[in-house]
């Protein structure tokens, strides 16, 4: 189980906007310490991988823009994998 404090810290470290979106989903990465982004992946509601990108060149404080216009309207999960774990956020594509 994740405590409220850990969850708030995770929310500060990895946030997404706007949500819902119809064109571009922006990811904000604010790592602390030596945590390094490695990969971004997007899964649809059935768990199917629909997008993946290398994130190893992304530094803390960076914003990543994911083009989601080609995705069908619906619910998705975006995950940021790091050398210390994974952060996942739900988002909606609404056309």
PDB file of N, CA and C in Angstrom:
ATOM      1  N   UNK A   1       0.849  -1.195   0.000  1.00  0.00           N
ATOM      2  CA  UNK A   1       0.000   0.000   0.000  1.00  0.00           C
ATOM      3  C   UNK A   1       0.877   1.234   0.000  1.00  0.00           C
ATOM      4  N   UNK A   2       0.428   2.236  -0.695  1.00  0.00           N
ATOM      5  CA  UNK A   2       1.148   3.507  -0.768  1.00  0.00           C
ATOM      6  C   UNK A   2       0.535   4.455   0.245  1.00  0.00           C
ATOM      7  N   UNK A   3       1.371   5.059   1.076  1.00  0.00           N
ATOM      8  CA  UNK A   3       0.845   6.008   2.057  1.00  0.00           C
ATOM      9  C   UNK A   3       0.507   7.325   1.380  1.00  0.00           C
ATOM     10  N   UNK A   4      -0.304   8.152   2.053  1.00  0.00           N
ATOM     11  CA  UNK A   4      -0.679   9.449   1.505  1.00  0.00           C
ATOM     12  C   UNK A   4       0.523  10.323   1.224  1.00  0.00           C
ATOM     13  N   UNK A   5       1.524  10.274   2.089  1.00  0.00           N
ATOM     14  CA  UNK A   5       2.725  11.088   1.889  1.00  0.00           C
ATOM     15  C   UNK A   5       3.458  10.629   0.633  1.00  0.00           C
ATOM     16  N   UNK A   6       3.627   9.314   0.473  1.00  0.00           N
ATOM     17  CA  UNK A   6       4.301   8.783  -0.709  1.00  0.00           C
ATOM     18  C   UNK A   6       3.532   9.130  -1.975  1.00  0.00           C
ATOM     19  N   UNK A   7       2.200   9.060  -1.908  1.00  0.00           N
ATOM     20  CA  UNK A   7       1.380   9.359  -3.075  1.00  0.00           C
ATOM     21  C   UNK A   7       1.500  10.833  -3.462  1.00  0.00           C
ATOM     22  N   UNK A   8       1.495  11.719  -2.481  1.00  0.00           N
ATOM     23  CA  UNK A   8       1.654  13.153  -2.782  1.00  0.00           C
ATOM     24  C   UNK A   8       3.018  13.421  -3.410  1.00  0.00           C
ATOM     25  N   UNK A   9       4.062  12.756  -2.906  1.00  0.00           N
ATOM     26  CA  UNK A   9       5.398  12.935  -3.476  1.00  0.00           C
ATOM     27  C   UNK A   9       5.425  12.427  -4.916  1.00  0.00           C
ATOM     28  N   UNK A  10       4.813  11.277  -5.152  1.00  0.00           N
ATOM     29  CA  UNK A  10       4.762  10.720  -6.503  1.00  0.00           C
ATOM     30  C   UNK A  10       4.008  11.660  -7.436  1.00  0.00           C
ATOM     31  N   UNK A  11       2.933  12.281  -6.948  1.00  0.00           N
ATOM     32  CA  UNK A  11       2.171  13.218  -7.771  1.00  0.00           C
ATOM     33  C   UNK A  11       2.994  14.451  -8.124  1.00  0.00           C
ATOM     34  N   UNK A  12       3.843  14.898  -7.222  1.00  0.00           N
ATOM     35  CA  UNK A  12       4.726  16.037  -7.517  1.00  0.00           C
ATOM     36  C   UNK A  12       5.806  15.646  -8.524  1.00  0.00           C
ATOM     37  N   UNK A  13       6.276  14.415  -8.446  1.00  0.00           N
ATOM     38  CA  UNK A  13       7.372  13.978  -9.305  1.00  0.00           C
ATOM     39  C   UNK A  13       6.917  13.725 -10.735  1.00  0.00           C
ATOM     40  N   UNK A  14       5.686  13.238 -10.916  1.00  0.00           N
ATOM     41  CA  UNK A  14       5.196  12.880 -12.247  1.00  0.00           C
ATOM     42  C   UNK A  14       3.751  13.330 -12.371  1.00  0.00           C
ATOM     43  N   UNK A  15       3.528  14.350 -13.176  1.00  0.00           N
ATOM     44  CA  UNK A  15       2.172  14.851 -13.374  1.00  0.00           C
ATOM     45  C   UNK A  15       1.865  14.918 -14.866  1.00  0.00           C
ATOM     46  N   UNK A  16       0.563  14.885 -15.193  1.00  0.00           N
ATOM     47  CA  UNK A  16       0.129  14.948 -16.590  1.00  0.00           C
ATOM     48  C   UNK A  16      -0.949  16.016 -16.742  1.00  0.00           C
ATOM     49  N   UNK A  17      -1.018  16.602 -17.920  1.00  0.00           N
ATOM     50  CA  UNK A  17      -2.040  17.611 -18.222  1.00  0.00           C
ATOM     51  C   UNK A  17      -2.063  17.853 -19.723  1.00  0.00           C
ATOM     52  N   UNK A  18      -3.147  18.340 -20.327  1.00  0.00           N
ATOM     53  CA  UNK A  18      -4.475  18.426 -19.702  1.00  0.00           C
ATOM     54  C   UNK A  18      -5.112  17.040 -19.660  1.00  0.00           C
ATOM     55  N   UNK A  19      -6.065  16.875 -18.803  1.00  0.00           N
ATOM     56  CA  UNK A  19      -6.761  15.602 -18.671  1.00  0.00           C
ATOM     57  C   UNK A  19      -8.225  15.876 -18.376  1.00  0.00           C
ATOM     58  N   UNK A  20      -9.121  15.607 -19.333  1.00  0.00           N
ATOM     59  CA  UNK A  20      -8.930  14.895 -20.602  1.00  0.00           C
ATOM     60  C   UNK A  20      -8.205  15.736 -21.654  1.00  0.00           C
ATOM     61  N   UNK A  21      -7.721  15.051 -22.682  1.00  0.00           N
ATOM     62  CA  UNK A  21      -7.015  15.706 -23.777  1.00  0.00           C
ATOM     63  C   UNK A  21      -7.552  15.193 -25.111  1.00  0.00           C
ATOM     64  N   UNK A  22      -7.295  15.949 -26.175  1.00  0.00           N
ATOM     65  CA  UNK A  22      -7.712  15.485 -27.500  1.00  0.00           C
ATOM     66  C   UNK A  22      -6.573  15.504 -28.509  1.00  0.00           C
ATOM     67  N   UNK A  23      -5.435  16.103 -28.147  1.00  0.00           N
ATOM     68  CA  UNK A  23      -4.351  16.275 -29.111  1.00  0.00           C
ATOM     69  C   UNK A  23      -2.997  15.862 -28.535  1.00  0.00           C
ATOM     70  N   UNK A  24      -2.559  16.546 -27.481  1.00  0.00           N
ATOM     71  CA  UNK A  24      -1.246  16.304 -26.881  1.00  0.00           C
ATOM     72  C   UNK A  24      -1.404  16.150 -25.370  1.00  0.00           C
ATOM     73  N   UNK A  25      -0.769  15.128 -24.803  1.00  0.00           N
ATOM     74  CA  UNK A  25      -0.711  14.944 -23.359  1.00  0.00           C
ATOM     75  C   UNK A  25       0.688  15.338 -22.913  1.00  0.00           C
ATOM     76  N   UNK A  26       0.778  16.289 -21.991  1.00  0.00           N
ATOM     77  CA  UNK A  26       2.074  16.726 -21.474  1.00  0.00           C
ATOM     78  C   UNK A  26       2.370  16.010 -20.167  1.00  0.00           C
ATOM     79  N   UNK A  27       3.601  15.520 -20.045  1.00  0.00           N
ATOM     80  CA  UNK A  27       4.067  14.869 -18.829  1.00  0.00           C
ATOM     81  C   UNK A  27       5.141  15.749 -18.218  1.00  0.00           C
ATOM     82  N   UNK A  28       5.041  16.025 -16.935  1.00  0.00           N
ATOM     83  CA  UNK A  28       6.050  16.818 -16.229  1.00  0.00           C
ATOM     84  C   UNK A  28       6.800  15.879 -15.295  1.00  0.00           C
ATOM     85  N   UNK A  29       8.119  15.855 -15.405  1.00  0.00           N
ATOM     86  CA  UNK A  29       8.973  14.949 -14.626  1.00  0.00           C
ATOM     87  C   UNK A  29       9.857  15.784 -13.723  1.00  0.00           C
ATOM     88  N   UNK A  30       9.696  15.621 -12.401  1.00  0.00           N
ATOM     89  CA  UNK A  30      10.473  16.369 -11.410  1.00  0.00           C
ATOM     90  C   UNK A  30      11.113  15.396 -10.427  1.00  0.00           C
ATOM     91  N   UNK A  31      12.171  14.748 -10.852  1.00  0.00           N
ATOM     92  CA  UNK A  31      12.829  13.735 -10.023  1.00  0.00           C
ATOM     93  C   UNK A  31      13.610  14.373  -8.890  1.00  0.00           C
ATOM     94  N   UNK A  32      13.793  13.584  -7.851  1.00  0.00           N
ATOM     95  CA  UNK A  32      14.639  13.991  -6.734  1.00  0.00           C
ATOM     96  C   UNK A  32      15.769  12.975  -6.624  1.00  0.00           C
ATOM     97  N   UNK A  33      16.943  13.454  -6.289  1.00  0.00           N
ATOM     98  CA  UNK A  33      18.066  12.536  -6.127  1.00  0.00           C
ATOM     99  C   UNK A  33      18.562  12.001  -7.454  1.00  0.00           C
ATOM    100  N   UNK A  34      18.864  10.719  -7.477  1.00  0.00           N
ATOM    101  CA  UNK A  34      19.469  10.097  -8.659  1.00  0.00           C
ATOM    102  C   UNK A  34      18.468   9.322  -9.508  1.00  0.00           C
ATOM    103  N   UNK A  35      17.188   9.574  -9.319  1.00  0.00           N
ATOM    104  CA  UNK A  35      16.194   8.856 -10.118  1.00  0.00           C
ATOM    105  C   UNK A  35      16.248   9.339 -11.558  1.00  0.00           C
ATOM    106  N   UNK A  36      16.323   8.396 -12.488  1.00  0.00           N
ATOM    107  CA  UNK A  36      16.470   8.703 -13.912  1.00  0.00           C
ATOM    108  C   UNK A  36      15.331   8.072 -14.699  1.00  0.00           C
ATOM    109  N   UNK A  37      14.665   8.888 -15.515  1.00  0.00           N
ATOM    110  CA  UNK A  37      13.608   8.369 -16.388  1.00  0.00           C
ATOM    111  C   UNK A  37      14.226   7.410 -17.399  1.00  0.00           C
ATOM    112  N   UNK A  38      13.492   6.343 -17.740  1.00  0.00           N
ATOM    113  CA  UNK A  38      13.982   5.371 -18.710  1.00  0.00           C
ATOM    114  C   UNK A  38      13.037   5.173 -19.888  1.00  0.00           C
ATOM    115  N   UNK A  39      11.726   5.072 -19.615  1.00  0.00           N
ATOM    116  CA  UNK A  39      10.783   4.762 -20.684  1.00  0.00           C
ATOM    117  C   UNK A  39       9.386   5.278 -20.345  1.00  0.00           C
ATOM    118  N   UNK A  40       8.672   5.736 -21.368  1.00  0.00           N
ATOM    119  CA  UNK A  40       7.270   6.131 -21.237  1.00  0.00           C
ATOM    120  C   UNK A  40       6.447   5.154 -22.064  1.00  0.00           C
ATOM    121  N   UNK A  41       5.374   4.646 -21.486  1.00  0.00           N
ATOM    122  CA  UNK A  41       4.490   3.753 -22.230  1.00  0.00           C
ATOM    123  C   UNK A  41       3.035   4.118 -21.960  1.00  0.00           C
ATOM    124  N   UNK A  42       2.189   3.886 -22.971  1.00  0.00           N
ATOM    125  CA  UNK A  42       0.755   4.150 -22.868  1.00  0.00           C
ATOM    126  C   UNK A  42       0.017   2.856 -23.174  1.00  0.00           C
ATOM    127  N   UNK A  43      -0.921   2.500 -22.295  1.00  0.00           N
ATOM    128  CA  UNK A  43      -1.752   1.309 -22.472  1.00  0.00           C
ATOM    129  C   UNK A  43      -3.211   1.726 -22.533  1.00  0.00           C
ATOM    130  N   UNK A  44      -3.980   1.020 -23.361  1.00  0.00           N
ATOM    131  CA  UNK A  44      -5.414   1.305 -23.432  1.00  0.00           C
ATOM    132  C   UNK A  44      -6.135   0.588 -22.290  1.00  0.00           C
ATOM    133  N   UNK A  45      -7.455   0.734 -22.238  1.00  0.00           N
ATOM    134  CA  UNK A  45      -8.243   0.183 -21.132  1.00  0.00           C
ATOM    135  C   UNK A  45      -8.148  -1.336 -21.039  1.00  0.00           C
ATOM    136  N   UNK A  46      -7.839  -2.013 -22.143  1.00  0.00           N
ATOM    137  CA  UNK A  46      -7.708  -3.473 -22.116  1.00  0.00           C
ATOM    138  C   UNK A  46      -6.292  -3.918 -21.767  1.00  0.00           C
ATOM    139  N   UNK A  47      -5.384  -2.958 -21.553  1.00  0.00           N
ATOM    140  CA  UNK A  47      -4.010  -3.287 -21.194  1.00  0.00           C
ATOM    141  C   UNK A  47      -3.066  -3.409 -22.368  1.00  0.00           C
ATOM    142  N   UNK A  48      -3.567  -3.160 -23.573  1.00  0.00           N
ATOM    143  CA  UNK A  48      -2.741  -3.264 -24.781  1.00  0.00           C
ATOM    144  C   UNK A  48      -1.805  -2.056 -24.885  1.00  0.00           C
ATOM    145  N   UNK A  49      -0.532  -2.307 -25.152  1.00  0.00           N
ATOM    146  CA  UNK A  49       0.448  -1.239 -25.351  1.00  0.00           C
ATOM    147  C   UNK A  49       0.139  -0.521 -26.659  1.00  0.00           C
ATOM    148  N   UNK A  50      -0.094   0.798 -26.593  1.00  0.00           N
ATOM    149  CA  UNK A  50      -0.434   1.558 -27.799  1.00  0.00           C
ATOM    150  C   UNK A  50       0.628   2.594 -28.156  1.00  0.00           C
ATOM    151  N   UNK A  51       1.546   2.882 -27.239  1.00  0.00           N
ATOM    152  CA  UNK A  51       2.609   3.848 -27.515  1.00  0.00           C
ATOM    153  C   UNK A  51       3.749   3.601 -26.535  1.00  0.00           C
ATOM    154  N   UNK A  52       4.977   3.760 -27.021  1.00  0.00           N
ATOM    155  CA  UNK A  52       6.143   3.586 -26.164  1.00  0.00           C
ATOM    156  C   UNK A  52       7.255   4.477 -26.688  1.00  0.00           C
ATOM    157  N   UNK A  53       8.005   5.085 -25.775  1.00  0.00           N
ATOM    158  CA  UNK A  53       9.138   5.904 -26.202  1.00  0.00           C
ATOM    159  C   UNK A  53      10.247   5.850 -25.171  1.00  0.00           C
ATOM    160  N   UNK A  54      11.463   5.988 -25.660  1.00  0.00           N
ATOM    161  CA  UNK A  54      12.643   6.045 -24.807  1.00  0.00           C
ATOM    162  C   UNK A  54      12.636   7.379 -24.079  1.00  0.00           C
ATOM    163  N   UNK A  55      12.850   7.351 -22.776  1.00  0.00           N
ATOM    164  CA  UNK A  55      12.848   8.578 -21.987  1.00  0.00           C
ATOM    165  C   UNK A  55      14.187   8.803 -21.294  1.00  0.00           C
ATOM    166  N   UNK A  56      15.215   8.059 -21.680  1.00  0.00           N
ATOM    167  CA  UNK A  56      16.494   8.141 -20.973  1.00  0.00           C
ATOM    168  C   UNK A  56      17.177   9.496 -21.116  1.00  0.00           C
ATOM    169  N   UNK A  57      16.838  10.249 -22.159  1.00  0.00           N
ATOM    170  CA  UNK A  57      17.456  11.563 -22.351  1.00  0.00           C
ATOM    171  C   UNK A  57      16.693  12.673 -21.627  1.00  0.00           C
ATOM    172  N   UNK A  58      15.608  12.326 -20.962  1.00  0.00           N
ATOM    173  CA  UNK A  58      14.779  13.327 -20.289  1.00  0.00           C
ATOM    174  C   UNK A  58      15.366  13.634 -18.924  1.00  0.00           C
ATOM    175  N   UNK A  59      15.619  14.894 -18.676  1.00  0.00           N
ATOM    176  CA  UNK A  59      16.179  15.297 -17.392  1.00  0.00           C
ATOM    177  C   UNK A  59      15.073  15.809 -16.481  1.00  0.00           C
ATOM    178  N   UNK A  60      15.367  15.864 -15.183  1.00  0.00           N
ATOM    179  CA  UNK A  60      14.376  16.338 -14.230  1.00  0.00           C
ATOM    180  C   UNK A  60      13.972  17.771 -14.557  1.00  0.00           C
ATOM    181  N   UNK A  61      12.726  18.075 -14.342  1.00  0.00           N
ATOM    182  CA  UNK A  61      12.194  19.384 -14.689  1.00  0.00           C
ATOM    183  C   UNK A  61      11.730  19.473 -16.126  1.00  0.00           C
ATOM    184  N   UNK A  62      11.907  18.387 -16.872  1.00  0.00           N
ATOM    185  CA  UNK A  62      11.537  18.380 -18.283  1.00  0.00           C
ATOM    186  C   UNK A  62      10.059  18.084 -18.468  1.00  0.00           C
ATOM    187  N   UNK A  63       9.551  18.555 -19.589  1.00  0.00           N
ATOM    188  CA  UNK A  63       8.190  18.244 -20.001  1.00  0.00           C
ATOM    189  C   UNK A  63       8.268  17.416 -21.275  1.00  0.00           C
ATOM    190  N   UNK A  64       7.481  16.353 -21.327  1.00  0.00           N
ATOM    191  CA  UNK A  64       7.397  15.487 -22.491  1.00  0.00           C
ATOM    192  C   UNK A  64       6.010  15.678 -23.084  1.00  0.00           C
ATOM    193  N   UNK A  65       5.930  15.879 -24.385  1.00  0.00           N
ATOM    194  CA  UNK A  65       4.640  15.999 -25.050  1.00  0.00           C
ATOM    195  C   UNK A  65       4.375  14.745 -25.871  1.00  0.00           C
ATOM    196  N   UNK A  66       3.304  14.037 -25.525  1.00  0.00           N
ATOM    197  CA  UNK A  66       2.925  12.822 -26.247  1.00  0.00           C
ATOM    198  C   UNK A  66       1.794  13.137 -27.214  1.00  0.00           C
ATOM    199  N   UNK A  67       1.964  12.819 -28.494  1.00  0.00           N
ATOM    200  CA  UNK A  67       0.880  13.039 -29.457  1.00  0.00           C
ATOM    201  C   UNK A  67      -0.169  11.934 -29.305  1.00  0.00           C
ATOM    202  N   UNK A  68      -1.354  12.299 -28.847  1.00  0.00           N
ATOM    203  CA  UNK A  68      -2.399  11.295 -28.619  1.00  0.00           C
ATOM    204  C   UNK A  68      -3.592  11.468 -29.560  1.00  0.00           C
ATOM    205  N   UNK A  69      -3.472  12.383 -30.509  1.00  0.00           N
ATOM    206  CA  UNK A  69      -4.583  12.658 -31.430  1.00  0.00           C
ATOM    207  C   UNK A  69      -5.011  11.416 -32.204  1.00  0.00           C
ATOM    208  N   UNK A  70      -4.064  10.538 -32.517  1.00  0.00           N
ATOM    209  CA  UNK A  70      -4.378   9.342 -33.310  1.00  0.00           C
ATOM    210  C   UNK A  70      -5.012   8.226 -32.477  1.00  0.00           C
ATOM    211  N   UNK A  71      -5.019   8.365 -31.151  1.00  0.00           N
ATOM    212  CA  UNK A  71      -5.630   7.342 -30.304  1.00  0.00           C
ATOM    213  C   UNK A  71      -7.148   7.487 -30.318  1.00  0.00           C
ATOM    214  N   UNK A  72      -7.840   6.370 -30.243  1.00  0.00           N
ATOM    215  CA  UNK A  72      -9.301   6.391 -30.170  1.00  0.00           C
ATOM    216  C   UNK A  72      -9.736   7.020 -28.851  1.00  0.00           C
ATOM    217  N   UNK A  73     -10.895   7.656 -28.851  1.00  0.00           N
ATOM    218  CA  UNK A  73     -11.434   8.216 -27.616  1.00  0.00           C
ATOM    219  C   UNK A  73     -11.582   7.098 -26.592  1.00  0.00           C
ATOM    220  N   UNK A  74     -11.228   7.385 -25.336  1.00  0.00           N
ATOM    221  CA  UNK A  74     -11.345   6.381 -24.290  1.00  0.00           C
ATOM    222  C   UNK A  74     -10.371   6.625 -23.162  1.00  0.00           C
ATOM    223  N   UNK A  75     -10.289   5.656 -22.261  1.00  0.00           N
ATOM    224  CA  UNK A  75      -9.426   5.736 -21.084  1.00  0.00           C
ATOM    225  C   UNK A  75      -8.101   5.034 -21.349  1.00  0.00           C
ATOM    226  N   UNK A  76      -7.035   5.627 -20.834  1.00  0.00           N
ATOM    227  CA  UNK A  76      -5.685   5.106 -21.020  1.00  0.00           C
ATOM    228  C   UNK A  76      -4.897   5.264 -19.729  1.00  0.00           C
ATOM    229  N   UNK A  77      -3.753   4.583 -19.673  1.00  0.00           N
ATOM    230  CA  UNK A  77      -2.805   4.772 -18.586  1.00  0.00           C
ATOM    231  C   UNK A  77      -1.445   5.059 -19.189  1.00  0.00           C
ATOM    232  N   UNK A  78      -0.800   6.096 -18.671  1.00  0.00           N
ATOM    233  CA  UNK A  78       0.560   6.414 -19.091  1.00  0.00           C
ATOM    234  C   UNK A  78       1.483   6.072 -17.928  1.00  0.00           C
ATOM    235  N   UNK A  79       2.570   5.385 -18.224  1.00  0.00           N
ATOM    236  CA  UNK A  79       3.536   4.980 -17.203  1.00  0.00           C
ATOM    237  C   UNK A  79       4.907   5.532 -17.540  1.00  0.00           C
ATOM    238  N   UNK A  80       5.574   6.029 -16.520  1.00  0.00           N
ATOM    239  CA  UNK A  80       6.958   6.465 -16.639  1.00  0.00           C
ATOM    240  C   UNK A  80       7.795   5.506 -15.812  1.00  0.00           C
ATOM    241  N   UNK A  81       8.649   4.735 -16.481  1.00  0.00           N
ATOM    242  CA  UNK A  81       9.542   3.806 -15.791  1.00  0.00           C
ATOM    243  C   UNK A  81      10.857   4.511 -15.520  1.00  0.00           C
ATOM    244  N   UNK A  82      11.386   4.296 -14.320  1.00  0.00           N
ATOM    245  CA  UNK A  82      12.662   4.893 -13.931  1.00  0.00           C
ATOM    246  C   UNK A  82      13.579   3.797 -13.409  1.00  0.00           C
ATOM    247  N   UNK A  83      14.788   4.176 -13.057  1.00  0.00           N
ATOM    248  CA  UNK A  83      15.727   3.221 -12.475  1.00  0.00           C
ATOM    249  C   UNK A  83      15.317   2.823 -11.054  1.00  0.00           C
ATOM    250  N   UNK A  84      14.287   3.473 -10.493  1.00  0.00           N
ATOM    251  CA  UNK A  84      13.855   3.158  -9.130  1.00  0.00           C
ATOM    252  C   UNK A  84      12.403   2.711  -9.033  1.00  0.00           C
ATOM    253  N   UNK A  85      11.708   2.627 -10.154  1.00  0.00           N
ATOM    254  CA  UNK A  85      10.311   2.201 -10.080  1.00  0.00           C
ATOM    255  C   UNK A  85       9.501   2.696 -11.258  1.00  0.00           C
ATOM    256  N   UNK A  86       8.178   2.715 -11.067  1.00  0.00           N
ATOM    257  CA  UNK A  86       7.269   3.116 -12.139  1.00  0.00           C
ATOM    258  C   UNK A  86       6.184   4.016 -11.568  1.00  0.00           C
ATOM    259  N   UNK A  87       5.855   5.056 -12.320  1.00  0.00           N
ATOM    260  CA  UNK A  87       4.771   5.975 -11.977  1.00  0.00           C
ATOM    261  C   UNK A  87       3.705   5.844 -13.053  1.00  0.00           C
ATOM    262  N   UNK A  88       2.464   5.682 -12.643  1.00  0.00           N
ATOM    263  CA  UNK A  88       1.377   5.500 -13.602  1.00  0.00           C
ATOM    264  C   UNK A  88       0.256   6.483 -13.311  1.00  0.00           C
ATOM    265  N   UNK A  89      -0.273   7.075 -14.364  1.00  0.00           N
ATOM    266  CA  UNK A  89      -1.397   8.009 -14.257  1.00  0.00           C
ATOM    267  C   UNK A  89      -2.441   7.625 -15.300  1.00  0.00           C
ATOM    268  N   UNK A  90      -3.705   7.770 -14.932  1.00  0.00           N
ATOM    269  CA  UNK A  90      -4.809   7.531 -15.862  1.00  0.00           C
ATOM    270  C   UNK A  90      -5.129   8.830 -16.585  1.00  0.00           C
ATOM    271  N   UNK A  91      -5.520   8.716 -17.854  1.00  0.00           N
ATOM    272  CA  UNK A  91      -5.975   9.893 -18.595  1.00  0.00           C
ATOM    273  C   UNK A  91      -7.027   9.480 -19.607  1.00  0.00           C
ATOM    274  N   UNK A  92      -7.735  10.476 -20.120  1.00  0.00           N
ATOM    275  CA  UNK A  92      -8.825  10.244 -21.061  1.00  0.00           C
ATOM    276  C   UNK A  92      -8.543  11.000 -22.345  1.00  0.00           C
ATOM    277  N   UNK A  93      -8.737  10.318 -23.474  1.00  0.00           N
ATOM    278  CA  UNK A  93      -8.705  10.975 -24.782  1.00  0.00           C
ATOM    279  C   UNK A  93     -10.154  11.210 -25.175  1.00  0.00           C
ATOM    280  N   UNK A  94     -10.493  12.475 -25.432  1.00  0.00           N
ATOM    281  CA  UNK A  94     -11.864  12.847 -25.804  1.00  0.00           C
ATOM    282  C   UNK A  94     -11.803  13.671 -27.078  1.00  0.00           C
ATOM    283  N   UNK A  95     -12.319  13.124 -28.180  1.00  0.00           N
ATOM    284  CA  UNK A  95     -12.305  13.846 -29.465  1.00  0.00           C
ATOM    285  C   UNK A  95     -13.620  14.539 -29.679  1.00  0.00           C
TER     286      UNK A  95
END
